[in-house]
N, C-alpha and C. Protein backbone atom coordinates (compact mmCIF):
# COMPACT_ATOMS: atom_id res chain seq x y z
N MET A 1 32.11 -9.44 -0.85
CA MET A 1 31.29 -10.17 -1.80
C MET A 1 29.82 -10.15 -1.41
N GLN A 2 29.55 -10.35 -0.10
CA GLN A 2 28.19 -10.33 0.40
C GLN A 2 27.55 -8.97 0.20
N ASN A 3 28.33 -7.89 0.43
CA ASN A 3 27.81 -6.54 0.23
C ASN A 3 27.45 -6.31 -1.22
N ASN A 4 28.26 -6.83 -2.14
CA ASN A 4 27.97 -6.67 -3.56
C ASN A 4 26.68 -7.39 -3.94
N LEU A 5 26.49 -8.61 -3.37
CA LEU A 5 25.27 -9.35 -3.65
C LEU A 5 24.05 -8.63 -3.10
N SER A 6 24.18 -8.04 -1.90
CA SER A 6 23.07 -7.31 -1.30
C SER A 6 22.72 -6.09 -2.14
N ASP A 7 23.73 -5.43 -2.67
CA ASP A 7 23.49 -4.26 -3.50
C ASP A 7 22.77 -4.64 -4.78
N VAL A 8 23.17 -5.74 -5.39
CA VAL A 8 22.50 -6.21 -6.60
C VAL A 8 21.06 -6.60 -6.29
N GLU A 9 20.87 -7.28 -5.17
CA GLU A 9 19.53 -7.69 -4.75
C GLU A 9 18.62 -6.48 -4.59
N GLN A 10 19.14 -5.44 -3.94
CA GLN A 10 18.33 -4.25 -3.71
C GLN A 10 18.02 -3.53 -5.01
N ARG A 11 18.98 -3.50 -5.94
CA ARG A 11 18.73 -2.84 -7.22
C ARG A 11 17.67 -3.57 -8.02
N VAL A 12 17.69 -4.91 -7.96
CA VAL A 12 16.68 -5.69 -8.67
C VAL A 12 15.30 -5.44 -8.07
N LYS A 13 15.22 -5.41 -6.74
CA LYS A 13 13.95 -5.11 -6.09
C LYS A 13 13.48 -3.70 -6.43
N ARG A 14 14.40 -2.76 -6.41
CA ARG A 14 14.06 -1.36 -6.69
C ARG A 14 13.53 -1.20 -8.11
N TYR A 15 14.02 -2.03 -9.01
CA TYR A 15 13.58 -1.95 -10.41
C TYR A 15 12.08 -2.22 -10.53
N TRP A 16 11.55 -3.09 -9.69
CA TRP A 16 10.13 -3.42 -9.74
C TRP A 16 9.26 -2.19 -9.48
N PHE A 17 9.76 -1.26 -8.64
CA PHE A 17 8.98 -0.07 -8.29
C PHE A 17 9.35 1.14 -9.14
N LYS A 18 10.22 0.95 -10.12
CA LYS A 18 10.74 2.08 -10.88
C LYS A 18 9.66 2.79 -11.69
N ASP A 19 8.64 2.04 -12.15
CA ASP A 19 7.63 2.62 -13.01
C ASP A 19 6.39 3.11 -12.27
N GLY A 20 6.25 2.80 -10.99
CA GLY A 20 5.11 3.27 -10.21
C GLY A 20 3.81 2.53 -10.46
N LEU A 21 3.83 1.50 -11.31
CA LEU A 21 2.59 0.80 -11.64
C LEU A 21 2.00 0.07 -10.43
N GLY A 22 2.85 -0.48 -9.59
CA GLY A 22 2.36 -1.18 -8.41
C GLY A 22 1.57 -0.26 -7.51
N GLU A 23 2.09 0.93 -7.25
CA GLU A 23 1.38 1.90 -6.41
C GLU A 23 0.10 2.38 -7.06
N LEU A 24 0.15 2.59 -8.37
CA LEU A 24 -1.01 3.10 -9.08
C LEU A 24 -2.18 2.11 -9.03
N VAL A 25 -1.90 0.85 -9.34
CA VAL A 25 -2.96 -0.16 -9.36
C VAL A 25 -3.40 -0.53 -7.94
N ALA A 26 -2.44 -0.75 -7.05
CA ALA A 26 -2.78 -1.09 -5.66
C ALA A 26 -3.54 0.04 -4.99
N GLY A 27 -3.20 1.29 -5.33
CA GLY A 27 -3.92 2.42 -4.78
C GLY A 27 -5.39 2.40 -5.16
N GLY A 28 -5.68 1.98 -6.39
CA GLY A 28 -7.07 1.85 -6.80
C GLY A 28 -7.80 0.80 -5.99
N MET A 29 -7.12 -0.31 -5.69
CA MET A 29 -7.72 -1.36 -4.88
C MET A 29 -7.97 -0.87 -3.45
N ILE A 30 -7.01 -0.14 -2.90
CA ILE A 30 -7.18 0.40 -1.54
C ILE A 30 -8.33 1.39 -1.50
N LEU A 31 -8.47 2.19 -2.55
CA LEU A 31 -9.59 3.13 -2.63
C LEU A 31 -10.93 2.40 -2.64
N LEU A 32 -11.02 1.28 -3.34
CA LEU A 32 -12.25 0.50 -3.35
C LEU A 32 -12.59 -0.03 -1.96
N ILE A 33 -11.56 -0.44 -1.21
CA ILE A 33 -11.80 -0.90 0.15
C ILE A 33 -12.33 0.25 1.01
N GLY A 34 -11.79 1.45 0.79
CA GLY A 34 -12.30 2.62 1.50
C GLY A 34 -13.77 2.87 1.20
N LEU A 35 -14.15 2.76 -0.06
CA LEU A 35 -15.56 2.91 -0.43
C LEU A 35 -16.42 1.82 0.19
N TYR A 36 -15.86 0.63 0.32
CA TYR A 36 -16.57 -0.47 0.96
C TYR A 36 -16.92 -0.12 2.41
N PHE A 37 -15.93 0.33 3.18
CA PHE A 37 -16.17 0.65 4.59
C PHE A 37 -17.13 1.84 4.74
N ALA A 38 -16.94 2.86 3.92
CA ALA A 38 -17.82 4.02 4.01
C ALA A 38 -19.25 3.66 3.61
N GLY A 39 -19.40 2.85 2.55
CA GLY A 39 -20.72 2.43 2.13
C GLY A 39 -21.42 1.59 3.16
N GLN A 40 -20.67 0.75 3.84
CA GLN A 40 -21.24 -0.09 4.89
C GLN A 40 -21.77 0.76 6.04
N GLU A 41 -21.06 1.84 6.37
CA GLU A 41 -21.49 2.73 7.44
C GLU A 41 -22.69 3.56 7.00
N TRP A 42 -22.73 3.93 5.74
CA TRP A 42 -23.79 4.80 5.22
C TRP A 42 -25.13 4.07 5.13
N LEU A 43 -25.10 2.79 4.78
CA LEU A 43 -26.35 2.05 4.65
C LEU A 43 -26.98 1.80 6.03
N PRO A 44 -28.29 1.83 6.10
CA PRO A 44 -28.95 1.63 7.41
C PRO A 44 -28.71 0.23 7.96
N GLY A 45 -28.62 0.14 9.28
CA GLY A 45 -28.39 -1.15 9.92
C GLY A 45 -29.52 -2.13 9.64
N GLY A 46 -29.18 -3.37 9.37
CA GLY A 46 -30.16 -4.39 9.09
C GLY A 46 -30.65 -4.45 7.66
N SER A 47 -30.21 -3.51 6.83
CA SER A 47 -30.63 -3.51 5.43
C SER A 47 -29.94 -4.63 4.66
N MET A 48 -30.56 -5.02 3.54
CA MET A 48 -29.99 -6.08 2.72
C MET A 48 -28.63 -5.70 2.17
N GLY A 49 -28.51 -4.42 1.72
CA GLY A 49 -27.24 -3.96 1.17
C GLY A 49 -26.11 -4.02 2.18
N ARG A 50 -26.41 -3.61 3.40
CA ARG A 50 -25.37 -3.64 4.44
C ARG A 50 -24.98 -5.07 4.78
N THR A 51 -25.96 -5.96 4.84
CA THR A 51 -25.68 -7.37 5.11
C THR A 51 -24.80 -7.98 4.04
N LEU A 52 -25.08 -7.65 2.79
CA LEU A 52 -24.28 -8.16 1.68
C LEU A 52 -22.85 -7.63 1.74
N LEU A 53 -22.70 -6.34 2.06
CA LEU A 53 -21.36 -5.76 2.16
C LEU A 53 -20.57 -6.41 3.29
N GLN A 54 -21.22 -6.61 4.43
CA GLN A 54 -20.52 -7.18 5.57
C GLN A 54 -20.00 -8.59 5.29
N SER A 55 -20.67 -9.31 4.41
CA SER A 55 -20.27 -10.68 4.12
C SER A 55 -19.37 -10.80 2.89
N SER A 56 -19.02 -9.66 2.28
CA SER A 56 -18.27 -9.73 1.03
C SER A 56 -16.85 -9.19 1.12
N LEU A 57 -16.38 -8.85 2.33
CA LEU A 57 -15.04 -8.27 2.46
C LEU A 57 -13.97 -9.25 2.01
N VAL A 58 -14.08 -10.51 2.46
CA VAL A 58 -13.06 -11.50 2.09
C VAL A 58 -13.02 -11.69 0.58
N LEU A 59 -14.18 -11.75 -0.04
CA LEU A 59 -14.26 -11.90 -1.49
C LEU A 59 -13.64 -10.69 -2.19
N LEU A 60 -13.92 -9.50 -1.67
CA LEU A 60 -13.36 -8.28 -2.26
C LEU A 60 -11.84 -8.28 -2.19
N VAL A 61 -11.29 -8.65 -1.03
CA VAL A 61 -9.85 -8.63 -0.84
C VAL A 61 -9.17 -9.68 -1.72
N ILE A 62 -9.71 -10.90 -1.75
CA ILE A 62 -9.09 -11.97 -2.53
C ILE A 62 -9.16 -11.67 -4.03
N SER A 63 -10.35 -11.32 -4.51
CA SER A 63 -10.49 -11.02 -5.94
C SER A 63 -9.72 -9.78 -6.32
N GLY A 64 -9.71 -8.78 -5.43
CA GLY A 64 -8.95 -7.56 -5.71
C GLY A 64 -7.46 -7.81 -5.77
N THR A 65 -6.95 -8.67 -4.89
CA THR A 65 -5.53 -9.00 -4.89
C THR A 65 -5.13 -9.70 -6.19
N LEU A 66 -5.95 -10.67 -6.59
CA LEU A 66 -5.65 -11.38 -7.84
C LEU A 66 -5.74 -10.46 -9.05
N ALA A 67 -6.76 -9.60 -9.06
CA ALA A 67 -6.92 -8.68 -10.19
C ALA A 67 -5.78 -7.67 -10.23
N THR A 68 -5.35 -7.20 -9.05
CA THR A 68 -4.26 -6.23 -8.98
C THR A 68 -2.97 -6.83 -9.52
N ARG A 69 -2.67 -8.06 -9.10
CA ARG A 69 -1.45 -8.73 -9.57
C ARG A 69 -1.48 -8.92 -11.09
N TRP A 70 -2.63 -9.36 -11.59
CA TRP A 70 -2.76 -9.58 -13.04
C TRP A 70 -2.60 -8.28 -13.81
N LEU A 71 -3.25 -7.20 -13.32
CA LEU A 71 -3.20 -5.93 -14.03
C LEU A 71 -1.81 -5.32 -14.01
N VAL A 72 -1.10 -5.41 -12.88
CA VAL A 72 0.26 -4.89 -12.81
C VAL A 72 1.16 -5.62 -13.79
N ASN A 73 1.08 -6.94 -13.81
CA ASN A 73 1.91 -7.71 -14.74
C ASN A 73 1.56 -7.39 -16.19
N ALA A 74 0.26 -7.23 -16.49
CA ALA A 74 -0.14 -6.91 -17.85
C ALA A 74 0.38 -5.53 -18.28
N LEU A 75 0.29 -4.56 -17.38
CA LEU A 75 0.78 -3.22 -17.71
C LEU A 75 2.29 -3.18 -17.84
N LYS A 76 2.99 -3.94 -16.99
CA LYS A 76 4.44 -3.98 -17.10
C LYS A 76 4.86 -4.63 -18.43
N THR A 77 4.14 -5.66 -18.84
CA THR A 77 4.44 -6.30 -20.12
C THR A 77 4.26 -5.33 -21.28
N ARG A 78 3.28 -4.45 -21.16
CA ARG A 78 2.99 -3.51 -22.24
C ARG A 78 3.85 -2.25 -22.18
N LEU A 79 4.13 -1.75 -20.96
CA LEU A 79 4.78 -0.44 -20.82
C LEU A 79 6.24 -0.52 -20.38
N THR A 80 6.55 -1.43 -19.46
CA THR A 80 7.87 -1.42 -18.82
C THR A 80 8.88 -2.29 -19.54
N TYR A 81 8.56 -3.56 -19.74
CA TYR A 81 9.53 -4.49 -20.30
C TYR A 81 10.01 -4.10 -21.70
N PRO A 82 9.15 -3.54 -22.58
CA PRO A 82 9.68 -3.11 -23.88
C PRO A 82 10.68 -1.96 -23.77
N ARG A 83 10.65 -1.22 -22.68
CA ARG A 83 11.54 -0.06 -22.52
C ARG A 83 12.84 -0.41 -21.81
N THR A 84 12.74 -1.07 -20.67
CA THR A 84 13.94 -1.31 -19.87
C THR A 84 14.18 -2.78 -19.54
N GLY A 85 13.42 -3.69 -20.17
CA GLY A 85 13.70 -5.10 -20.02
C GLY A 85 12.98 -5.74 -18.85
N TYR A 86 13.10 -7.05 -18.80
CA TYR A 86 12.45 -7.87 -17.77
C TYR A 86 13.50 -8.40 -16.82
N VAL A 87 13.26 -8.21 -15.53
CA VAL A 87 14.18 -8.70 -14.50
C VAL A 87 13.37 -9.48 -13.48
N GLU A 88 13.82 -10.67 -13.14
CA GLU A 88 13.13 -11.49 -12.15
C GLU A 88 14.08 -11.75 -11.00
N TYR A 89 13.54 -11.67 -9.78
CA TYR A 89 14.37 -11.87 -8.59
C TYR A 89 13.80 -13.01 -7.76
N GLU A 90 14.67 -13.91 -7.35
CA GLU A 90 14.29 -15.02 -6.48
C GLU A 90 14.47 -14.59 -5.03
N PRO A 91 13.40 -14.53 -4.20
CA PRO A 91 13.52 -14.06 -2.83
C PRO A 91 14.59 -14.82 -2.05
N GLY A 92 15.38 -14.09 -1.29
CA GLY A 92 16.46 -14.68 -0.51
C GLY A 92 16.03 -15.04 0.90
N PRO A 93 16.97 -15.52 1.71
CA PRO A 93 16.64 -15.97 3.06
C PRO A 93 16.20 -14.85 3.99
N LYS A 94 16.57 -13.60 3.66
CA LYS A 94 16.17 -12.50 4.53
C LYS A 94 14.69 -12.17 4.38
N ASN A 95 14.12 -12.46 3.23
CA ASN A 95 12.72 -12.15 2.98
C ASN A 95 11.86 -13.32 3.46
N THR A 96 11.77 -13.49 4.79
CA THR A 96 11.13 -14.65 5.37
C THR A 96 9.87 -14.25 6.12
N PRO A 97 8.95 -15.21 6.34
CA PRO A 97 7.75 -14.91 7.12
C PRO A 97 8.06 -14.44 8.54
N SER A 98 9.13 -14.97 9.15
CA SER A 98 9.47 -14.55 10.51
C SER A 98 9.81 -13.07 10.57
N ARG A 99 10.44 -12.56 9.52
CA ARG A 99 10.76 -11.15 9.50
C ARG A 99 9.50 -10.30 9.40
N ARG A 100 8.54 -10.78 8.60
CA ARG A 100 7.28 -10.05 8.49
C ARG A 100 6.51 -10.09 9.81
N VAL A 101 6.55 -11.24 10.50
CA VAL A 101 5.88 -11.34 11.80
C VAL A 101 6.52 -10.40 12.81
N PHE A 102 7.84 -10.31 12.78
CA PHE A 102 8.54 -9.40 13.69
C PHE A 102 8.11 -7.95 13.43
N THR A 103 8.00 -7.58 12.17
CA THR A 103 7.57 -6.22 11.82
C THR A 103 6.15 -5.97 12.32
N ALA A 104 5.27 -6.94 12.09
CA ALA A 104 3.89 -6.78 12.56
C ALA A 104 3.83 -6.69 14.08
N GLY A 105 4.71 -7.45 14.78
CA GLY A 105 4.76 -7.40 16.23
C GLY A 105 5.12 -6.02 16.75
N ILE A 106 6.05 -5.37 16.08
CA ILE A 106 6.41 -4.00 16.47
C ILE A 106 5.21 -3.07 16.31
N ALA A 107 4.52 -3.21 15.17
CA ALA A 107 3.35 -2.35 14.91
C ALA A 107 2.27 -2.59 15.96
N ILE A 108 2.05 -3.86 16.33
CA ILE A 108 1.02 -4.17 17.32
C ILE A 108 1.39 -3.60 18.69
N SER A 109 2.65 -3.69 19.07
CA SER A 109 3.09 -3.16 20.36
C SER A 109 2.88 -1.66 20.44
N VAL A 110 3.27 -0.96 19.39
CA VAL A 110 3.08 0.49 19.38
C VAL A 110 1.60 0.83 19.38
N SER A 111 0.81 0.05 18.65
CA SER A 111 -0.62 0.29 18.62
C SER A 111 -1.25 0.12 20.00
N ALA A 112 -0.79 -0.89 20.75
CA ALA A 112 -1.31 -1.10 22.10
C ALA A 112 -1.02 0.09 23.00
N LEU A 113 0.17 0.66 22.85
CA LEU A 113 0.50 1.85 23.62
C LEU A 113 -0.41 3.01 23.25
N LEU A 114 -0.71 3.13 21.97
CA LEU A 114 -1.61 4.19 21.53
C LEU A 114 -3.02 4.01 22.10
N VAL A 115 -3.47 2.77 22.16
CA VAL A 115 -4.79 2.50 22.73
C VAL A 115 -4.84 2.94 24.19
N MET A 116 -3.80 2.57 24.97
CA MET A 116 -3.75 2.96 26.38
C MET A 116 -3.71 4.48 26.53
N PHE A 117 -2.95 5.12 25.65
CA PHE A 117 -2.85 6.58 25.70
C PHE A 117 -4.18 7.22 25.32
N GLY A 118 -4.82 6.67 24.29
CA GLY A 118 -6.07 7.26 23.82
C GLY A 118 -7.20 7.13 24.82
N ARG A 119 -7.25 6.02 25.54
CA ARG A 119 -8.33 5.82 26.49
C ARG A 119 -8.30 6.85 27.62
N SER A 120 -7.15 7.37 27.91
CA SER A 120 -7.04 8.38 28.95
C SER A 120 -7.75 9.67 28.57
N PHE A 121 -8.00 9.86 27.26
CA PHE A 121 -8.71 11.04 26.79
C PHE A 121 -10.20 10.77 26.61
N GLY A 122 -10.65 9.53 26.80
CA GLY A 122 -12.06 9.21 26.79
C GLY A 122 -12.66 8.94 25.42
N SER A 123 -11.99 9.28 24.34
CA SER A 123 -12.54 9.05 23.01
C SER A 123 -11.41 8.63 22.07
N PHE A 124 -11.40 7.34 21.76
CA PHE A 124 -10.31 6.83 20.92
C PHE A 124 -10.79 5.61 20.15
N ASN A 125 -10.73 5.68 18.84
CA ASN A 125 -11.07 4.56 17.97
C ASN A 125 -9.75 3.96 17.52
N TRP A 126 -9.38 2.82 18.09
CA TRP A 126 -8.03 2.31 17.92
C TRP A 126 -7.76 1.74 16.53
N LEU A 127 -8.79 1.29 15.82
CA LEU A 127 -8.57 0.55 14.59
C LEU A 127 -7.89 1.37 13.48
N PRO A 128 -8.29 2.62 13.21
CA PRO A 128 -7.57 3.39 12.19
C PRO A 128 -6.10 3.61 12.55
N GLY A 129 -5.82 3.87 13.84
CA GLY A 129 -4.43 4.04 14.25
C GLY A 129 -3.62 2.78 14.07
N PHE A 130 -4.22 1.64 14.43
CA PHE A 130 -3.55 0.36 14.25
C PHE A 130 -3.31 0.07 12.78
N THR A 131 -4.32 0.34 11.95
CA THR A 131 -4.18 0.12 10.51
C THR A 131 -3.11 1.03 9.92
N GLY A 132 -3.09 2.27 10.38
CA GLY A 132 -2.07 3.20 9.90
C GLY A 132 -0.67 2.76 10.25
N LEU A 133 -0.51 2.19 11.44
CA LEU A 133 0.81 1.69 11.84
C LEU A 133 1.23 0.50 10.99
N LEU A 134 0.30 -0.39 10.69
CA LEU A 134 0.63 -1.53 9.84
C LEU A 134 1.02 -1.08 8.44
N PHE A 135 0.23 -0.18 7.87
CA PHE A 135 0.57 0.35 6.55
C PHE A 135 1.92 1.06 6.58
N GLY A 136 2.13 1.85 7.64
CA GLY A 136 3.40 2.56 7.76
C GLY A 136 4.57 1.61 7.86
N ALA A 137 4.41 0.51 8.61
CA ALA A 137 5.48 -0.47 8.74
C ALA A 137 5.79 -1.12 7.40
N VAL A 138 4.75 -1.45 6.63
CA VAL A 138 4.96 -2.06 5.32
C VAL A 138 5.69 -1.11 4.39
N PHE A 139 5.23 0.13 4.33
CA PHE A 139 5.85 1.11 3.43
C PHE A 139 7.29 1.44 3.84
N ILE A 140 7.50 1.67 5.12
CA ILE A 140 8.81 2.15 5.58
C ILE A 140 9.83 1.03 5.70
N ILE A 141 9.44 -0.09 6.32
CA ILE A 141 10.40 -1.16 6.59
C ILE A 141 10.52 -2.12 5.41
N LEU A 142 9.39 -2.59 4.89
CA LEU A 142 9.43 -3.60 3.84
C LEU A 142 9.57 -3.03 2.44
N ARG A 143 9.33 -1.73 2.28
CA ARG A 143 9.46 -1.12 0.96
C ARG A 143 10.63 -0.14 0.91
N ALA A 144 10.55 0.92 1.72
CA ALA A 144 11.58 1.96 1.64
C ALA A 144 12.94 1.46 2.11
N ARG A 145 12.99 0.87 3.30
CA ARG A 145 14.28 0.47 3.87
C ARG A 145 14.87 -0.74 3.16
N SER A 146 14.05 -1.75 2.91
CA SER A 146 14.56 -2.98 2.29
C SER A 146 14.91 -2.80 0.83
N ASN A 147 14.10 -1.99 0.12
CA ASN A 147 14.28 -1.86 -1.32
C ASN A 147 14.95 -0.56 -1.74
N GLY A 148 15.14 0.36 -0.81
CA GLY A 148 15.82 1.61 -1.14
C GLY A 148 15.01 2.56 -2.01
N VAL A 149 13.67 2.54 -1.84
CA VAL A 149 12.80 3.44 -2.61
C VAL A 149 12.33 4.55 -1.67
N GLY A 150 12.89 5.74 -1.85
CA GLY A 150 12.70 6.81 -0.88
C GLY A 150 11.27 7.30 -0.75
N ARG A 151 10.48 7.25 -1.83
CA ARG A 151 9.13 7.82 -1.74
C ARG A 151 8.23 7.03 -0.78
N PHE A 152 8.59 5.78 -0.48
CA PHE A 152 7.78 5.01 0.44
C PHE A 152 7.92 5.49 1.88
N TYR A 153 9.00 6.19 2.21
CA TYR A 153 9.08 6.82 3.53
C TYR A 153 7.97 7.85 3.69
N ILE A 154 7.71 8.60 2.64
CA ILE A 154 6.66 9.62 2.69
C ILE A 154 5.29 8.96 2.82
N LEU A 155 5.05 7.91 2.03
CA LEU A 155 3.78 7.22 2.09
C LEU A 155 3.56 6.58 3.47
N GLY A 156 4.61 5.98 4.02
CA GLY A 156 4.48 5.35 5.33
C GLY A 156 4.19 6.36 6.43
N THR A 157 4.89 7.48 6.40
CA THR A 157 4.66 8.52 7.40
C THR A 157 3.26 9.09 7.28
N PHE A 158 2.80 9.27 6.04
CA PHE A 158 1.44 9.76 5.81
C PHE A 158 0.41 8.81 6.42
N CYS A 159 0.58 7.50 6.24
CA CYS A 159 -0.36 6.52 6.78
C CYS A 159 -0.40 6.56 8.30
N ILE A 160 0.75 6.67 8.93
CA ILE A 160 0.80 6.69 10.39
C ILE A 160 0.09 7.93 10.94
N ILE A 161 0.39 9.09 10.36
CA ILE A 161 -0.22 10.34 10.83
C ILE A 161 -1.73 10.32 10.58
N LEU A 162 -2.13 9.88 9.39
CA LEU A 162 -3.56 9.84 9.05
C LEU A 162 -4.31 8.89 9.98
N GLY A 163 -3.76 7.70 10.22
CA GLY A 163 -4.43 6.74 11.09
C GLY A 163 -4.60 7.28 12.51
N MET A 164 -3.58 7.91 13.06
CA MET A 164 -3.67 8.47 14.41
C MET A 164 -4.69 9.60 14.47
N ALA A 165 -4.69 10.46 13.44
CA ALA A 165 -5.63 11.57 13.42
C ALA A 165 -7.07 11.08 13.37
N LEU A 166 -7.34 10.05 12.56
CA LEU A 166 -8.69 9.51 12.46
C LEU A 166 -9.10 8.78 13.73
N SER A 167 -8.13 8.23 14.46
CA SER A 167 -8.45 7.56 15.71
C SER A 167 -9.02 8.54 16.74
N PHE A 168 -8.58 9.78 16.69
CA PHE A 168 -9.04 10.79 17.63
C PHE A 168 -10.13 11.69 17.04
N SER A 169 -10.58 11.38 15.83
CA SER A 169 -11.53 12.27 15.15
C SER A 169 -12.95 12.17 15.69
N GLY A 170 -13.29 11.04 16.32
CA GLY A 170 -14.64 10.86 16.82
C GLY A 170 -15.62 10.37 15.76
N LEU A 171 -15.15 10.10 14.54
CA LEU A 171 -16.02 9.60 13.48
C LEU A 171 -16.40 8.14 13.74
N PRO A 172 -17.56 7.71 13.22
CA PRO A 172 -17.90 6.29 13.33
C PRO A 172 -16.84 5.42 12.67
N MET A 173 -16.78 4.17 13.10
CA MET A 173 -15.74 3.25 12.64
C MET A 173 -15.70 3.15 11.11
N GLY A 174 -16.87 2.97 10.48
CA GLY A 174 -16.90 2.79 9.04
C GLY A 174 -16.38 4.00 8.29
N TYR A 175 -16.76 5.20 8.73
CA TYR A 175 -16.30 6.41 8.05
C TYR A 175 -14.81 6.66 8.27
N SER A 176 -14.32 6.40 9.49
CA SER A 176 -12.90 6.62 9.75
C SER A 176 -12.05 5.65 8.94
N LEU A 177 -12.46 4.38 8.87
CA LEU A 177 -11.72 3.42 8.04
C LEU A 177 -11.87 3.74 6.56
N GLY A 178 -13.07 4.17 6.16
CA GLY A 178 -13.28 4.56 4.77
C GLY A 178 -12.38 5.71 4.37
N LEU A 179 -12.27 6.71 5.26
CA LEU A 179 -11.38 7.84 4.97
C LEU A 179 -9.93 7.40 4.92
N PHE A 180 -9.54 6.52 5.85
CA PHE A 180 -8.15 6.09 5.86
C PHE A 180 -7.80 5.37 4.56
N TYR A 181 -8.57 4.35 4.21
CA TYR A 181 -8.27 3.60 2.99
C TYR A 181 -8.45 4.46 1.75
N GLY A 182 -9.50 5.30 1.75
CA GLY A 182 -9.73 6.14 0.58
C GLY A 182 -8.60 7.12 0.33
N LEU A 183 -8.18 7.85 1.38
CA LEU A 183 -7.10 8.83 1.22
C LEU A 183 -5.77 8.15 0.95
N THR A 184 -5.53 7.02 1.61
CA THR A 184 -4.29 6.27 1.34
C THR A 184 -4.25 5.80 -0.11
N GLY A 185 -5.40 5.31 -0.61
CA GLY A 185 -5.46 4.87 -2.00
C GLY A 185 -5.22 6.01 -2.97
N ILE A 186 -5.81 7.16 -2.70
CA ILE A 186 -5.63 8.32 -3.59
C ILE A 186 -4.18 8.78 -3.61
N VAL A 187 -3.56 8.88 -2.43
CA VAL A 187 -2.16 9.31 -2.35
C VAL A 187 -1.25 8.29 -3.05
N SER A 188 -1.53 7.00 -2.86
CA SER A 188 -0.73 5.97 -3.53
C SER A 188 -0.88 6.08 -5.05
N MET A 189 -2.10 6.31 -5.52
CA MET A 189 -2.31 6.45 -6.96
C MET A 189 -1.60 7.68 -7.51
N LEU A 190 -1.64 8.78 -6.78
CA LEU A 190 -0.93 9.99 -7.22
C LEU A 190 0.57 9.74 -7.29
N SER A 191 1.12 9.08 -6.25
CA SER A 191 2.54 8.76 -6.25
C SER A 191 2.90 7.87 -7.43
N GLY A 192 2.06 6.85 -7.67
CA GLY A 192 2.33 5.95 -8.80
C GLY A 192 2.21 6.65 -10.14
N ALA A 193 1.20 7.53 -10.28
CA ALA A 193 1.01 8.23 -11.55
C ALA A 193 2.17 9.17 -11.86
N ILE A 194 2.64 9.90 -10.85
CA ILE A 194 3.77 10.81 -11.04
C ILE A 194 5.02 10.03 -11.41
N THR A 195 5.25 8.90 -10.70
CA THR A 195 6.42 8.06 -10.99
C THR A 195 6.33 7.47 -12.39
N LEU A 196 5.13 7.04 -12.79
CA LEU A 196 4.96 6.45 -14.12
C LEU A 196 5.20 7.48 -15.22
N LEU A 197 4.67 8.68 -15.06
CA LEU A 197 4.88 9.71 -16.07
C LEU A 197 6.36 10.05 -16.22
N ARG A 198 7.07 10.12 -15.10
CA ARG A 198 8.51 10.40 -15.16
C ARG A 198 9.25 9.24 -15.82
N TYR A 199 8.85 8.02 -15.50
CA TYR A 199 9.49 6.85 -16.09
C TYR A 199 9.28 6.81 -17.61
N LEU A 200 8.05 7.05 -18.06
CA LEU A 200 7.78 7.03 -19.49
C LEU A 200 8.53 8.13 -20.23
N ARG A 201 8.68 9.27 -19.59
CA ARG A 201 9.41 10.38 -20.22
C ARG A 201 10.90 10.08 -20.32
N GLU A 202 11.44 9.45 -19.29
CA GLU A 202 12.88 9.16 -19.29
C GLU A 202 13.24 7.90 -20.06
N ASN A 203 12.25 7.05 -20.35
CA ASN A 203 12.54 5.78 -21.03
C ASN A 203 11.57 5.58 -22.19
N PRO A 204 11.77 6.30 -23.29
CA PRO A 204 10.91 6.12 -24.47
C PRO A 204 11.14 4.76 -25.10
N LEU A 205 10.18 4.31 -25.88
CA LEU A 205 10.34 3.06 -26.62
C LEU A 205 11.49 3.17 -27.60
N PRO A 206 12.20 2.07 -27.89
CA PRO A 206 13.32 2.12 -28.85
C PRO A 206 12.90 2.70 -30.20
N ALA A 207 11.69 2.42 -30.67
CA ALA A 207 11.23 2.95 -31.95
C ALA A 207 11.12 4.47 -31.89
N GLU A 208 10.64 4.99 -30.73
CA GLU A 208 10.51 6.43 -30.55
C GLU A 208 11.89 7.08 -30.54
N THR A 209 12.86 6.41 -29.91
CA THR A 209 14.22 6.96 -29.87
C THR A 209 14.83 7.02 -31.26
N ASN A 210 14.61 5.97 -32.07
CA ASN A 210 15.16 5.95 -33.44
C ASN A 210 14.53 7.03 -34.31
N ASN A 211 13.23 7.28 -34.12
CA ASN A 211 12.57 8.30 -34.90
C ASN A 211 13.13 9.68 -34.59
N GLU A 212 13.49 9.89 -33.33
CA GLU A 212 14.06 11.17 -32.96
C GLU A 212 15.46 11.34 -33.56
């Protein structure tokens, strides 16, 4: 009985990612964060523009998160629910903050090992590697493994490899983070767009089906 409930739970979660809208919209937000970091590095130190950017990250993240959630829900109402219906899932006891903390702890431990390894080579920017590990953990453990969405394994692996490569690239912090977020956002948007096009093709509106 418990296995049946777990299977239903996973199918309901998987349904949320079926149309790719979450990746498409969130990828755009991640790309904006990449432009933020790159722009901050590009502007001269002490300039008004750089000062404003440095003080606006929290505002960007909060407003971007709210806008992303609103836009995903609006697009699903327009594109997804008329085709395959609306499904709502109440998070269960397994989806707890302690589990997320445990996942983050694993990422931090591995990141610390990477820092120690990188210092032995004399040039290592730990932040992109650490960020890549966190993104990889979210995609692989909290998305692919928990929800059974295979494409998130690819996205997670891409983030880990990209973060490690940028850590050893020797680029300034702002440019390396800008490249990480920018490329991650672009890849996420491409994944979401491909998934959305396939979903729309396989699930036409009922009116379109009747006309055919």
